[in-house]
N, C-alpha and C. Protein backbone atom coordinates (compact mmCIF):
# COMPACT_ATOMS: atom_id res chain seq x y z
N UNK A 1 -14.23 -21.62 -5.46
CA UNK A 1 -13.80 -21.37 -6.87
C UNK A 1 -13.43 -19.94 -7.00
N UNK A 2 -14.16 -18.92 -6.40
CA UNK A 2 -13.85 -17.58 -6.59
C UNK A 2 -13.05 -16.95 -5.45
N UNK A 3 -12.65 -17.80 -4.47
CA UNK A 3 -11.92 -17.29 -3.32
C UNK A 3 -10.49 -16.70 -3.69
N UNK A 4 -9.78 -17.38 -4.58
CA UNK A 4 -8.48 -16.75 -5.01
C UNK A 4 -8.67 -15.30 -5.72
N UNK A 5 -9.69 -15.32 -6.51
CA UNK A 5 -10.01 -14.08 -7.29
C UNK A 5 -10.33 -12.98 -6.30
N UNK A 6 -11.26 -13.35 -5.31
CA UNK A 6 -11.80 -12.41 -4.38
C UNK A 6 -10.58 -11.89 -3.47
N UNK A 7 -9.63 -12.80 -3.13
CA UNK A 7 -8.41 -12.35 -2.31
C UNK A 7 -7.50 -11.41 -3.09
N UNK A 8 -7.33 -11.73 -4.39
CA UNK A 8 -6.51 -10.83 -5.23
C UNK A 8 -7.18 -9.48 -5.41
N UNK A 9 -8.51 -9.47 -5.61
CA UNK A 9 -9.18 -8.20 -5.82
C UNK A 9 -9.08 -7.38 -4.47
N UNK A 10 -9.30 -8.01 -3.37
CA UNK A 10 -9.23 -7.37 -2.06
C UNK A 10 -7.79 -6.76 -1.89
N UNK A 11 -6.77 -7.52 -2.23
CA UNK A 11 -5.36 -6.99 -2.09
C UNK A 11 -5.14 -5.84 -3.04
N UNK A 12 -5.67 -5.96 -4.25
CA UNK A 12 -5.48 -4.81 -5.14
C UNK A 12 -6.11 -3.56 -4.60
N UNK A 13 -7.44 -3.76 -4.07
CA UNK A 13 -8.19 -2.65 -3.54
C UNK A 13 -7.43 -2.00 -2.36
N UNK A 14 -6.93 -2.76 -1.46
CA UNK A 14 -6.19 -2.32 -0.29
C UNK A 14 -4.86 -1.60 -0.69
N UNK A 15 -4.20 -2.08 -1.70
CA UNK A 15 -2.96 -1.35 -2.16
C UNK A 15 -3.32 -0.02 -2.64
N UNK A 16 -4.39 0.04 -3.49
CA UNK A 16 -4.75 1.39 -4.05
C UNK A 16 -5.22 2.32 -2.93
N UNK A 17 -5.95 1.82 -1.97
CA UNK A 17 -6.45 2.63 -0.84
C UNK A 17 -5.20 3.15 -0.06
N UNK A 18 -4.35 2.28 0.22
CA UNK A 18 -3.12 2.65 0.97
C UNK A 18 -2.30 3.62 0.16
N UNK A 19 -2.16 3.43 -1.11
CA UNK A 19 -1.37 4.41 -1.99
C UNK A 19 -2.06 5.76 -1.88
N UNK A 20 -3.38 5.80 -2.00
CA UNK A 20 -4.05 7.14 -1.98
C UNK A 20 -3.97 7.80 -0.60
N UNK A 21 -4.09 7.03 0.50
CA UNK A 21 -3.98 7.65 1.82
C UNK A 21 -2.47 8.11 2.07
N UNK A 22 -1.45 7.41 1.64
CA UNK A 22 -0.15 7.92 1.81
C UNK A 22 0.12 9.02 1.05
N UNK A 23 -0.42 9.18 -0.22
CA UNK A 23 -0.19 10.34 -1.06
C UNK A 23 -0.76 11.63 -0.40
N UNK A 24 -1.79 11.44 0.38
CA UNK A 24 -2.48 12.58 1.07
C UNK A 24 -1.64 13.14 2.26
N UNK A 25 -0.67 12.40 2.80
CA UNK A 25 -0.01 12.77 3.88
C UNK A 25 1.03 13.91 3.59
N UNK A 26 1.36 14.63 4.53
CA UNK A 26 2.42 15.77 4.38
C UNK A 26 3.77 15.08 4.23
N UNK A 27 4.65 15.65 3.54
CA UNK A 27 5.98 15.17 3.31
C UNK A 27 6.71 14.93 4.60
N UNK A 28 6.50 15.79 5.61
CA UNK A 28 7.21 15.58 6.86
C UNK A 28 6.71 14.28 7.60
N UNK A 29 5.42 13.98 7.50
CA UNK A 29 4.94 12.73 8.09
C UNK A 29 5.41 11.51 7.32
N UNK A 30 5.53 11.62 6.03
CA UNK A 30 6.10 10.51 5.24
C UNK A 30 7.54 10.35 5.66
N UNK A 31 8.31 11.43 5.90
CA UNK A 31 9.64 11.27 6.30
C UNK A 31 9.88 10.62 7.67
N UNK A 32 8.87 10.88 8.56
CA UNK A 32 8.90 10.19 9.88
C UNK A 32 8.65 8.67 9.68
N UNK A 33 7.87 8.27 8.60
CA UNK A 33 7.71 6.86 8.37
C UNK A 33 8.91 6.32 7.57
N UNK A 34 9.84 7.11 7.19
CA UNK A 34 10.95 6.58 6.36
C UNK A 34 10.68 6.43 4.95
N UNK A 35 9.63 7.27 4.45
CA UNK A 35 9.28 7.09 3.07
C UNK A 35 9.27 8.41 2.38
N UNK A 36 9.91 8.53 1.15
CA UNK A 36 9.87 9.67 0.41
C UNK A 36 8.69 9.61 -0.50
N UNK A 37 8.17 10.73 -1.09
CA UNK A 37 6.95 10.69 -1.90
C UNK A 37 7.14 9.92 -3.05
N UNK A 38 8.23 9.85 -3.71
CA UNK A 38 8.41 9.04 -4.95
C UNK A 38 8.52 7.59 -4.60
N UNK A 39 8.68 7.23 -3.42
CA UNK A 39 8.78 5.75 -3.03
C UNK A 39 7.45 5.12 -2.60
N UNK A 40 6.46 5.96 -2.59
CA UNK A 40 5.17 5.40 -2.16
C UNK A 40 4.76 4.13 -2.97
N UNK A 41 4.82 4.17 -4.14
CA UNK A 41 4.43 2.87 -4.97
C UNK A 41 5.29 1.70 -4.68
N UNK A 42 6.64 1.98 -4.39
CA UNK A 42 7.45 0.76 -4.07
C UNK A 42 7.13 0.26 -2.72
N UNK A 43 6.83 1.11 -1.74
CA UNK A 43 6.45 0.66 -0.39
C UNK A 43 5.21 -0.08 -0.47
N UNK A 44 4.24 0.38 -1.13
CA UNK A 44 2.83 -0.29 -1.22
C UNK A 44 2.93 -1.68 -1.92
N UNK A 45 3.85 -1.76 -3.05
CA UNK A 45 3.99 -2.88 -3.65
C UNK A 45 4.62 -4.03 -2.82
N UNK A 46 5.32 -3.71 -1.78
CA UNK A 46 5.88 -4.66 -0.91
C UNK A 46 4.96 -5.20 0.20
N UNK A 47 3.72 -4.69 0.32
CA UNK A 47 2.85 -5.12 1.31
C UNK A 47 1.97 -6.25 0.75
N UNK A 48 1.90 -7.41 1.43
CA UNK A 48 1.11 -8.44 0.92
C UNK A 48 -0.28 -8.38 1.44
N UNK A 49 -1.11 -9.38 1.26
CA UNK A 49 -2.67 -9.30 1.49
C UNK A 49 -2.86 -9.12 2.99
N UNK A 50 -2.04 -9.72 3.83
CA UNK A 50 -2.33 -9.62 5.33
C UNK A 50 -1.79 -8.40 5.93
N UNK A 51 -1.01 -7.54 5.08
CA UNK A 51 -0.60 -6.35 5.53
C UNK A 51 0.92 -6.37 5.99
N UNK A 52 1.51 -7.59 5.90
CA UNK A 52 2.84 -7.70 6.38
C UNK A 52 3.78 -7.37 5.26
N UNK A 53 4.95 -6.84 5.57
CA UNK A 53 5.91 -6.45 4.49
C UNK A 53 6.60 -7.71 4.00
N UNK A 54 6.81 -7.78 2.66
CA UNK A 54 7.48 -8.88 2.01
C UNK A 54 9.02 -8.85 2.29
């Protein structure tokens, strides 16, 4: 019964964790990943629960 809620909460937590970790990186490292600082939210939003890109 609570499995879908637990999965959604876990995905939300991992997106926030990933967003914080990417925000801490230097801009040069982000550029190596092909991400600009203002694109972090868009990149994180495209990651699904398993960590694969949509």
